[in-house]
Amino acid sequence: SSMGSRMLQRWILHPLVSIEKIERRLSLVEYLTKNDVFKDDLKNIIYQIGDLERLISKVSMLKSQPRDMVQIKRSLLKIKELIALIQTTDSADYKKYIDFLQPCHSLVDIIERKLLDEPPALLTKGIAFKRGFHSELDEYLSLVTDGKQYLIDIQTREQQATQISSLKIGFNNVFGYYLEVTNTHKDKVPENWIRKQTLTNAERYITPELKEYESKILGAEEKLNQIQEVLWTELMQEALEYIEPIQRNAHTIAEIDCLLSFAIIAIQNDYTK
């Protein structure tokens, strides 16, 4: 992992000089070479943990995005598994690592309760928060969802009323939502529709009803973005309290990752005899 390779670089630049520490590191590696099941289970968990060092540094700089936070949650859940695994071993040296591993249950619960499991990559690119924990957010989410459903209903109703089966509702930034009719069906357009744009093979119209729902939807979307910004700031403030334990987790996992690499290389090259 990236954390492990950075740690290995530090080990190479600052080699151990204490015999006691060298012996301890060697015995930790030797234990892995002699306990295959533990080594493989350890490897499976470690490889599923994200780069916590990088993820938590983004939190500290307030540059974190929704998917980063979900990745932190998943990594912390893996740390819970890692602690459970280490507890099963008979090695006192490995058990010492438990003191430096912190699953941060409260932060996991906060992220689980607030963020969608598959949020957008950027906060500005969609909805990142779940329904059910913030009533105002839920209210505007419903308005947007219901508003868009209402537009679909308008399209269906107007298709039936005008007998223009190809009629569709679209949106652009110049005049908002519109009804588009191909030139073939131009003569079926009701008189009260207001023509807004002429294309090569179609015409675009608006109606008072369409404008009314447009203002509702766009107003709700704007409000949603504002609420989401506030909720994100709150989440970042909560996450900032966990920087220290997560950095300690990252350091500990990087160390175990290096020991794993040494053990794997030792086995591959037959250094264990």
C-alpha atoms as a PDB file:
ATOM      1  CA  SER A   1       0.000   0.000   0.000  1.00  0.00           C
ATOM      2  CA  SER A   2       1.013   3.672  -0.316  1.00  0.00           C
ATOM      3  CA  MET A   3       1.199   3.988   3.474  1.00  0.00           C
ATOM      4  CA  GLY A   4       3.445   0.917   3.663  1.00  0.00           C
ATOM      5  CA  SER A   5       5.800   2.148   0.937  1.00  0.00           C
ATOM      6  CA  ARG A   6       6.167   5.544   2.659  1.00  0.00           C
ATOM      7  CA  MET A   7       6.909   3.768   5.957  1.00  0.00           C
ATOM      8  CA  LEU A   8       9.480   1.491   4.264  1.00  0.00           C
ATOM      9  CA  GLN A   9      11.200   4.577   2.881  1.00  0.00           C
ATOM     10  CA  ARG A  10      11.405   5.999   6.428  1.00  0.00           C
ATOM     11  CA  TRP A  11      12.820   2.693   7.738  1.00  0.00           C
ATOM     12  CA  ILE A  12      15.521   2.710   5.044  1.00  0.00           C
ATOM     13  CA  LEU A  13      16.433   6.349   5.726  1.00  0.00           C
ATOM     14  CA  HIS A  14      16.450   5.808   9.509  1.00  0.00           C
ATOM     15  CA  PRO A  15      17.672   2.242  10.194  1.00  0.00           C
ATOM     16  CA  LEU A  16      17.285   0.777  13.681  1.00  0.00           C
ATOM     17  CA  VAL A  17      20.427   0.917  15.840  1.00  0.00           C
ATOM     18  CA  SER A  18      19.056  -0.698  19.004  1.00  0.00           C
ATOM     19  CA  ILE A  19      19.672  -4.475  19.103  1.00  0.00           C
ATOM     20  CA  GLU A  20      16.502  -4.920  21.161  1.00  0.00           C
ATOM     21  CA  LYS A  21      14.377  -3.157  18.503  1.00  0.00           C
ATOM     22  CA  ILE A  22      16.073  -5.063  15.665  1.00  0.00           C
ATOM     23  CA  GLU A  23      15.397  -8.377  17.451  1.00  0.00           C
ATOM     24  CA  ARG A  24      11.756  -7.414  18.006  1.00  0.00           C
ATOM     25  CA  ARG A  25      11.277  -6.548  14.319  1.00  0.00           C
ATOM     26  CA  LEU A  26      12.926  -9.804  13.243  1.00  0.00           C
ATOM     27  CA  SER A  27      10.738 -11.846  15.597  1.00  0.00           C
ATOM     28  CA  LEU A  28       7.587 -10.088  14.277  1.00  0.00           C
ATOM     29  CA  VAL A  29       8.588 -11.042  10.711  1.00  0.00           C
ATOM     30  CA  GLU A  30       9.540 -14.584  11.767  1.00  0.00           C
ATOM     31  CA  TYR A  31       6.152 -15.056  13.443  1.00  0.00           C
ATOM     32  CA  LEU A  32       4.433 -14.281  10.137  1.00  0.00           C
ATOM     33  CA  THR A  33       6.649 -16.704   8.197  1.00  0.00           C
ATOM     34  CA  LYS A  34       5.638 -19.479  10.640  1.00  0.00           C
ATOM     35  CA  ASN A  35       1.916 -18.635  10.848  1.00  0.00           C
ATOM     36  CA  ASP A  36       0.555 -18.757   7.321  1.00  0.00           C
ATOM     37  CA  VAL A  37      -3.156 -18.435   8.123  1.00  0.00           C
ATOM     38  CA  PHE A  38      -2.606 -15.391  10.351  1.00  0.00           C
ATOM     39  CA  LYS A  39      -0.283 -13.840   7.726  1.00  0.00           C
ATOM     40  CA  ASP A  40      -2.829 -14.338   4.901  1.00  0.00           C
ATOM     41  CA  ASP A  41      -5.755 -13.049   6.975  1.00  0.00           C
ATOM     42  CA  LEU A  42      -3.667 -10.036   7.971  1.00  0.00           C
ATOM     43  CA  LYS A  43      -2.744  -9.371   4.338  1.00  0.00           C
ATOM     44  CA  ASN A  44      -6.393  -9.591   3.188  1.00  0.00           C
ATOM     45  CA  ILE A  45      -7.510  -6.996   5.729  1.00  0.00           C
ATOM     46  CA  ILE A  46      -4.535  -4.627   5.300  1.00  0.00           C
ATOM     47  CA  TYR A  47      -4.944  -4.591   1.513  1.00  0.00           C
ATOM     48  CA  GLN A  48      -8.567  -3.464   1.892  1.00  0.00           C
ATOM     49  CA  ILE A  49      -7.676  -0.439   4.003  1.00  0.00           C
ATOM     50  CA  GLY A  50      -7.443   2.798   2.031  1.00  0.00           C
ATOM     51  CA  ASP A  51      -4.625   5.319   2.308  1.00  0.00           C
ATOM     52  CA  LEU A  52      -5.753   6.681   5.678  1.00  0.00           C
ATOM     53  CA  GLU A  53      -2.757   9.016   5.910  1.00  0.00           C
ATOM     54  CA  ARG A  54      -3.766  10.798   2.693  1.00  0.00           C
ATOM     55  CA  LEU A  55      -7.500  10.694   3.492  1.00  0.00           C
ATOM     56  CA  ILE A  56      -7.095  12.232   6.955  1.00  0.00           C
ATOM     57  CA  SER A  57      -4.676  14.903   5.663  1.00  0.00           C
ATOM     58  CA  LYS A  58      -7.435  15.981   3.232  1.00  0.00           C
ATOM     59  CA  VAL A  59      -9.800  16.319   6.209  1.00  0.00           C
ATOM     60  CA  SER A  60      -7.258  18.443   8.118  1.00  0.00           C
ATOM     61  CA  MET A  61      -6.893  20.754   5.086  1.00  0.00           C
ATOM     62  CA  LEU A  62     -10.705  20.791   4.626  1.00  0.00           C
ATOM     63  CA  LYS A  63     -10.268  19.429   1.085  1.00  0.00           C
ATOM     64  CA  SER A  64     -12.154  16.195   1.656  1.00  0.00           C
ATOM     65  CA  GLN A  65     -14.941  15.128  -0.719  1.00  0.00           C
ATOM     66  CA  PRO A  66     -17.917  12.757  -0.090  1.00  0.00           C
ATOM     67  CA  ARG A  67     -16.203   9.623  -1.459  1.00  0.00           C
ATOM     68  CA  ASP A  68     -13.140  10.294   0.710  1.00  0.00           C
ATOM     69  CA  MET A  69     -15.332  10.218   3.814  1.00  0.00           C
ATOM     70  CA  VAL A  70     -17.007   6.964   2.738  1.00  0.00           C
ATOM     71  CA  GLN A  71     -13.532   5.499   2.184  1.00  0.00           C
ATOM     72  CA  ILE A  72     -12.544   6.555   5.730  1.00  0.00           C
ATOM     73  CA  LYS A  73     -15.646   4.791   7.057  1.00  0.00           C
ATOM     74  CA  ARG A  74     -14.840   1.577   5.149  1.00  0.00           C
ATOM     75  CA  SER A  75     -11.212   1.654   6.301  1.00  0.00           C
ATOM     76  CA  LEU A  76     -12.253   2.139   9.939  1.00  0.00           C
ATOM     77  CA  LEU A  77     -14.587  -0.867   9.670  1.00  0.00           C
ATOM     78  CA  LYS A  78     -11.605  -2.890   8.409  1.00  0.00           C
ATOM     79  CA  ILE A  79      -9.601  -1.708  11.438  1.00  0.00           C
ATOM     80  CA  LYS A  80     -12.320  -3.202  13.633  1.00  0.00           C
ATOM     81  CA  GLU A  81     -11.753  -6.514  11.774  1.00  0.00           C
ATOM     82  CA  LEU A  82      -7.996  -6.124  12.171  1.00  0.00           C
ATOM     83  CA  ILE A  83      -8.282  -5.731  15.961  1.00  0.00           C
ATOM     84  CA  ALA A  84     -10.505  -8.833  16.141  1.00  0.00           C
ATOM     85  CA  LEU A  85      -7.953 -10.801  14.091  1.00  0.00           C
ATOM     86  CA  ILE A  86      -4.956  -9.734  16.205  1.00  0.00           C
ATOM     87  CA  GLN A  87      -6.884 -10.724  19.340  1.00  0.00           C
ATOM     88  CA  THR A  88      -6.974 -14.329  18.052  1.00  0.00           C
ATOM     89  CA  THR A  89      -3.176 -14.629  17.856  1.00  0.00           C
ATOM     90  CA  ASP A  90      -0.912 -15.961  20.613  1.00  0.00           C
ATOM     91  CA  SER A  91       1.795 -13.358  19.868  1.00  0.00           C
ATOM     92  CA  ALA A  92       2.179 -10.804  22.664  1.00  0.00           C
ATOM     93  CA  ASP A  93       4.169  -8.570  20.287  1.00  0.00           C
ATOM     94  CA  TYR A  94       1.316  -8.386  17.768  1.00  0.00           C
ATOM     95  CA  LYS A  95      -1.234  -7.885  20.558  1.00  0.00           C
ATOM     96  CA  LYS A  96       0.639  -4.697  21.528  1.00  0.00           C
ATOM     97  CA  TYR A  97      -0.557  -3.159  18.231  1.00  0.00           C
ATOM     98  CA  ILE A  98      -4.143  -3.230  19.529  1.00  0.00           C
ATOM     99  CA  ASP A  99      -3.260  -0.316  21.862  1.00  0.00           C
ATOM    100  CA  PHE A 100      -2.481   1.852  18.801  1.00  0.00           C
ATOM    101  CA  LEU A 101      -5.526   0.872  16.716  1.00  0.00           C
ATOM    102  CA  GLN A 102      -8.724   2.856  17.171  1.00  0.00           C
ATOM    103  CA  PRO A 103     -11.874   1.903  15.187  1.00  0.00           C
ATOM    104  CA  CYS A 104     -13.445   5.367  15.887  1.00  0.00           C
ATOM    105  CA  HIS A 105     -16.970   3.895  16.198  1.00  0.00           C
ATOM    106  CA  SER A 106     -18.588   7.322  16.668  1.00  0.00           C
ATOM    107  CA  LEU A 107     -17.173   8.701  13.410  1.00  0.00           C
ATOM    108  CA  VAL A 108     -18.196   5.523  11.550  1.00  0.00           C
ATOM    109  CA  ASP A 109     -21.747   5.965  12.924  1.00  0.00           C
ATOM    110  CA  ILE A 110     -21.856   9.648  11.907  1.00  0.00           C
ATOM    111  CA  ILE A 111     -20.726   8.923   8.319  1.00  0.00           C
ATOM    112  CA  GLU A 112     -23.045   5.893   8.088  1.00  0.00           C
ATOM    113  CA  ARG A 113     -26.038   7.922   9.299  1.00  0.00           C
ATOM    114  CA  LYS A 114     -25.405  10.978   7.138  1.00  0.00           C
ATOM    115  CA  LEU A 115     -23.710  10.003   3.855  1.00  0.00           C
ATOM    116  CA  LEU A 116     -24.945   7.844   1.009  1.00  0.00           C
ATOM    117  CA  ASP A 117     -22.880   4.682   0.403  1.00  0.00           C
ATOM    118  CA  GLU A 118     -22.225   5.774  -3.191  1.00  0.00           C
ATOM    119  CA  PRO A 119     -22.146   9.585  -3.085  1.00  0.00           C
ATOM    120  CA  PRO A 120     -21.011  11.802  -5.980  1.00  0.00           C
ATOM    121  CA  ALA A 121     -17.237  12.356  -6.310  1.00  0.00           C
ATOM    122  CA  LEU A 122     -17.715  16.083  -5.655  1.00  0.00           C
ATOM    123  CA  LEU A 123     -20.162  17.739  -3.267  1.00  0.00           C
ATOM    124  CA  THR A 124     -21.201  20.125  -6.050  1.00  0.00           C
ATOM    125  CA  LYS A 125     -22.122  17.264  -8.405  1.00  0.00           C
ATOM    126  CA  GLY A 126     -25.259  15.930  -6.728  1.00  0.00           C
ATOM    127  CA  ILE A 127     -26.744  14.799  -3.440  1.00  0.00           C
ATOM    128  CA  ALA A 128     -24.302  13.230  -0.969  1.00  0.00           C
ATOM    129  CA  PHE A 129     -26.557  12.991   2.094  1.00  0.00           C
ATOM    130  CA  LYS A 130     -29.130  10.392   3.083  1.00  0.00           C
ATOM    131  CA  ARG A 131     -32.760  11.083   3.798  1.00  0.00           C
ATOM    132  CA  GLY A 132     -34.042  10.760   7.335  1.00  0.00           C
ATOM    133  CA  PHE A 133     -31.642  12.744   9.543  1.00  0.00           C
ATOM    134  CA  HIS A 134     -32.381  16.356   8.523  1.00  0.00           C
ATOM    135  CA  SER A 135     -36.017  17.347   7.973  1.00  0.00           C
ATOM    136  CA  GLU A 136     -35.330  20.462   5.858  1.00  0.00           C
ATOM    137  CA  LEU A 137     -33.034  18.477   3.553  1.00  0.00           C
ATOM    138  CA  ASP A 138     -35.760  15.812   3.187  1.00  0.00           C
ATOM    139  CA  GLU A 139     -38.350  18.473   2.378  1.00  0.00           C
ATOM    140  CA  TYR A 140     -36.335  19.964  -0.504  1.00  0.00           C
ATOM    141  CA  LEU A 141     -35.272  16.529  -1.768  1.00  0.00           C
ATOM    142  CA  SER A 142     -38.970  15.637  -2.031  1.00  0.00           C
ATOM    143  CA  LEU A 143     -39.730  18.906  -3.825  1.00  0.00           C
ATOM    144  CA  VAL A 144     -37.018  18.236  -6.413  1.00  0.00           C
ATOM    145  CA  THR A 145     -38.038  14.577  -6.870  1.00  0.00           C
ATOM    146  CA  ASP A 146     -41.773  15.356  -6.992  1.00  0.00           C
ATOM    147  CA  GLY A 147     -41.193  18.365  -9.250  1.00  0.00           C
ATOM    148  CA  LYS A 148     -39.288  16.287 -11.785  1.00  0.00           C
ATOM    149  CA  GLN A 149     -41.985  13.611 -11.641  1.00  0.00           C
ATOM    150  CA  TYR A 150     -44.578  16.339 -12.266  1.00  0.00           C
ATOM    151  CA  LEU A 151     -42.663  17.389 -15.409  1.00  0.00           C
ATOM    152  CA  ILE A 152     -42.843  13.785 -16.650  1.00  0.00           C
ATOM    153  CA  ASP A 153     -46.601  13.871 -15.945  1.00  0.00           C
ATOM    154  CA  ILE A 154     -46.942  17.138 -17.930  1.00  0.00           C
ATOM    155  CA  GLN A 155     -45.098  15.530 -20.857  1.00  0.00           C
ATOM    156  CA  THR A 156     -47.376  12.453 -20.835  1.00  0.00           C
ATOM    157  CA  ARG A 157     -50.533  14.573 -20.484  1.00  0.00           C
ATOM    158  CA  GLU A 158     -49.554  16.930 -23.320  1.00  0.00           C
ATOM    159  CA  GLN A 159     -48.546  14.007 -25.577  1.00  0.00           C
ATOM    160  CA  GLN A 160     -52.070  12.619 -25.138  1.00  0.00           C
ATOM    161  CA  ALA A 161     -53.849  15.992 -25.449  1.00  0.00           C
ATOM    162  CA  THR A 162     -51.999  17.085 -28.609  1.00  0.00           C
ATOM    163  CA  GLN A 163     -51.588  13.579 -30.118  1.00  0.00           C
ATOM    164  CA  ILE A 164     -47.853  14.384 -30.564  1.00  0.00           C
ATOM    165  CA  SER A 165     -46.222  11.164 -29.352  1.00  0.00           C
ATOM    166  CA  SER A 166     -42.670  12.491 -29.965  1.00  0.00           C
ATOM    167  CA  LEU A 167     -43.217  15.604 -27.770  1.00  0.00           C
ATOM    168  CA  LYS A 168     -40.621  15.908 -25.027  1.00  0.00           C
ATOM    169  CA  ILE A 169     -39.651  18.201 -22.179  1.00  0.00           C
ATOM    170  CA  GLY A 170     -36.075  19.497 -22.118  1.00  0.00           C
ATOM    171  CA  PHE A 171     -34.019  22.097 -20.236  1.00  0.00           C
ATOM    172  CA  ASN A 172     -31.410  24.684 -21.170  1.00  0.00           C
ATOM    173  CA  ASN A 173     -29.750  27.535 -19.277  1.00  0.00           C
ATOM    174  CA  VAL A 174     -31.159  30.247 -21.537  1.00  0.00           C
ATOM    175  CA  PHE A 175     -34.906  29.863 -20.897  1.00  0.00           C
ATOM    176  CA  GLY A 176     -35.209  26.837 -18.624  1.00  0.00           C
ATOM    177  CA  TYR A 177     -37.674  24.005 -19.227  1.00  0.00           C
ATOM    178  CA  TYR A 178     -39.391  23.768 -22.608  1.00  0.00           C
ATOM    179  CA  LEU A 179     -41.640  21.524 -24.724  1.00  0.00           C
ATOM    180  CA  GLU A 180     -39.999  20.401 -27.972  1.00  0.00           C
ATOM    181  CA  VAL A 181     -42.072  19.529 -31.040  1.00  0.00           C
ATOM    182  CA  THR A 182     -40.679  18.285 -34.355  1.00  0.00           C
ATOM    183  CA  ASN A 183     -41.688  20.277 -37.459  1.00  0.00           C
ATOM    184  CA  THR A 184     -43.853  17.352 -38.642  1.00  0.00           C
ATOM    185  CA  HIS A 185     -46.293  18.023 -35.756  1.00  0.00           C
ATOM    186  CA  LYS A 186     -45.993  21.833 -35.631  1.00  0.00           C
ATOM    187  CA  ASP A 187     -49.589  22.369 -36.722  1.00  0.00           C
ATOM    188  CA  LYS A 188     -50.902  20.434 -33.664  1.00  0.00           C
ATOM    189  CA  VAL A 189     -49.398  22.904 -31.148  1.00  0.00           C
ATOM    190  CA  PRO A 190     -52.051  24.679 -28.972  1.00  0.00           C
ATOM    191  CA  GLU A 191     -52.381  28.459 -29.426  1.00  0.00           C
ATOM    192  CA  ASN A 192     -51.553  29.306 -25.808  1.00  0.00           C
ATOM    193  CA  TRP A 193     -48.020  27.796 -26.008  1.00  0.00           C
ATOM    194  CA  ILE A 194     -45.302  30.463 -26.301  1.00  0.00           C
ATOM    195  CA  ARG A 195     -42.666  29.779 -28.945  1.00  0.00           C
ATOM    196  CA  LYS A 196     -39.133  30.335 -27.609  1.00  0.00           C
ATOM    197  CA  GLN A 197     -36.707  28.785 -30.092  1.00  0.00           C
ATOM    198  CA  THR A 198     -36.661  27.482 -33.655  1.00  0.00           C
ATOM    199  CA  LEU A 199     -34.294  24.651 -34.545  1.00  0.00           C
ATOM    200  CA  THR A 200     -33.603  23.085 -37.961  1.00  0.00           C
ATOM    201  CA  ASN A 201     -36.198  20.352 -37.499  1.00  0.00           C
ATOM    202  CA  ALA A 202     -38.106  21.368 -34.352  1.00  0.00           C
ATOM    203  CA  GLU A 203     -39.668  24.198 -32.343  1.00  0.00           C
ATOM    204  CA  ARG A 204     -39.379  24.799 -28.590  1.00  0.00           C
ATOM    205  CA  TYR A 205     -42.234  26.248 -26.519  1.00  0.00           C
ATOM    206  CA  ILE A 206     -42.953  27.215 -22.905  1.00  0.00           C
ATOM    207  CA  THR A 207     -46.243  27.338 -20.975  1.00  0.00           C
ATOM    208  CA  PRO A 208     -47.174  29.195 -17.749  1.00  0.00           C
ATOM    209  CA  GLU A 209     -47.540  25.824 -15.973  1.00  0.00           C
ATOM    210  CA  LEU A 210     -44.025  24.794 -17.023  1.00  0.00           C
ATOM    211  CA  LYS A 211     -42.575  28.108 -15.778  1.00  0.00           C
ATOM    212  CA  GLU A 212     -44.314  27.717 -12.410  1.00  0.00           C
ATOM    213  CA  TYR A 213     -42.845  24.242 -11.814  1.00  0.00           C
ATOM    214  CA  GLU A 214     -39.463  25.352 -13.094  1.00  0.00           C
ATOM    215  CA  SER A 215     -39.229  28.063 -10.428  1.00  0.00           C
ATOM    216  CA  LYS A 216     -40.267  25.545  -7.758  1.00  0.00           C
ATOM    217  CA  ILE A 217     -37.673  22.971  -8.849  1.00  0.00           C
ATOM    218  CA  LEU A 218     -34.814  25.428  -9.391  1.00  0.00           C
ATOM    219  CA  GLY A 219     -35.590  27.142  -6.082  1.00  0.00           C
ATOM    220  CA  ALA A 220     -35.557  23.784  -4.295  1.00  0.00           C
ATOM    221  CA  GLU A 221     -32.281  22.764  -5.980  1.00  0.00           C
ATOM    222  CA  GLU A 222     -30.626  26.007  -4.920  1.00  0.00           C
ATOM    223  CA  LYS A 223     -31.877  25.548  -1.349  1.00  0.00           C
ATOM    224  CA  LEU A 224     -30.672  21.914  -1.373  1.00  0.00           C
ATOM    225  CA  ASN A 225     -27.172  23.034  -2.338  1.00  0.00           C
ATOM    226  CA  GLN A 226     -27.126  25.587   0.495  1.00  0.00           C
ATOM    227  CA  ILE A 227     -28.271  23.008   3.087  1.00  0.00           C
ATOM    228  CA  GLN A 228     -25.767  20.486   1.789  1.00  0.00           C
ATOM    229  CA  GLU A 229     -22.911  23.010   2.176  1.00  0.00           C
ATOM    230  CA  VAL A 230     -23.900  23.611   5.819  1.00  0.00           C
ATOM    231  CA  LEU A 231     -24.214  19.872   6.549  1.00  0.00           C
ATOM    232  CA  TRP A 232     -20.820  19.202   4.928  1.00  0.00           C
ATOM    233  CA  THR A 233     -19.144  21.886   7.081  1.00  0.00           C
ATOM    234  CA  GLU A 234     -20.691  20.232  10.169  1.00  0.00           C
ATOM    235  CA  LEU A 235     -19.436  16.802   9.087  1.00  0.00           C
ATOM    236  CA  MET A 236     -15.906  18.168   8.531  1.00  0.00           C
ATOM    237  CA  GLN A 237     -15.909  19.711  12.015  1.00  0.00           C
ATOM    238  CA  GLU A 238     -16.903  16.328  13.480  1.00  0.00           C
ATOM    239  CA  ALA A 239     -14.222  14.504  11.457  1.00  0.00           C
ATOM    240  CA  LEU A 240     -11.491  16.957  12.563  1.00  0.00           C
ATOM    241  CA  GLU A 241     -11.794  15.562  16.107  1.00  0.00           C
ATOM    242  CA  TYR A 242     -10.550  12.166  14.877  1.00  0.00           C
ATOM    243  CA  ILE A 243      -7.354  13.291  13.128  1.00  0.00           C
ATOM    244  CA  GLU A 244      -5.005  12.037  15.837  1.00  0.00           C
ATOM    245  CA  PRO A 245      -6.390   8.475  16.267  1.00  0.00           C
ATOM    246  CA  ILE A 246      -6.692   8.035  12.482  1.00  0.00           C
ATOM    247  CA  GLN A 247      -3.093   9.189  11.945  1.00  0.00           C
ATOM    248  CA  ARG A 248      -2.049   6.663  14.618  1.00  0.00           C
ATOM    249  CA  ASN A 249      -4.041   3.980  12.793  1.00  0.00           C
ATOM    250  CA  ALA A 250      -2.301   4.887   9.521  1.00  0.00           C
ATOM    251  CA  HIS A 251       1.133   4.677  11.156  1.00  0.00           C
ATOM    252  CA  THR A 252       0.368   1.304  12.786  1.00  0.00           C
ATOM    253  CA  ILE A 253      -1.082  -0.218   9.603  1.00  0.00           C
ATOM    254  CA  ALA A 254       1.916   1.001   7.589  1.00  0.00           C
ATOM    255  CA  GLU A 255       4.224  -0.720  10.082  1.00  0.00           C
ATOM    256  CA  ILE A 256       2.315  -4.036   9.920  1.00  0.00           C
ATOM    257  CA  ASP A 257       2.261  -3.719   6.106  1.00  0.00           C
ATOM    258  CA  CYS A 258       6.075  -3.466   6.029  1.00  0.00           C
ATOM    259  CA  LEU A 259       6.431  -6.523   8.291  1.00  0.00           C
ATOM    260  CA  LEU A 260       4.080  -8.412   5.963  1.00  0.00           C
ATOM    261  CA  SER A 261       6.197  -7.431   2.938  1.00  0.00           C
ATOM    262  CA  PHE A 262       9.367  -8.647   4.693  1.00  0.00           C
ATOM    263  CA  ALA A 263       7.708 -11.961   5.579  1.00  0.00           C
ATOM    264  CA  ILE A 264       6.391 -12.503   2.024  1.00  0.00           C
ATOM    265  CA  ILE A 265       9.839 -11.760   0.528  1.00  0.00           C
ATOM    266  CA  ALA A 266      11.518 -14.014   3.103  1.00  0.00           C
ATOM    267  CA  ILE A 267       9.207 -16.907   2.134  1.00  0.00           C
ATOM    268  CA  GLN A 268       9.586 -16.271  -1.623  1.00  0.00           C
ATOM    269  CA  ASN A 269      13.377 -16.197  -1.385  1.00  0.00           C
ATOM    270  CA  ASP A 270      13.599 -19.049   1.113  1.00  0.00           C
ATOM    271  CA  TYR A 271      15.254 -16.936   3.818  1.00  0.00           C
ATOM    272  CA  THR A 272      13.297 -18.752   6.510  1.00  0.00           C
ATOM    273  CA  LYS A 273      15.580 -21.776   6.795  1.00  0.00           C
END
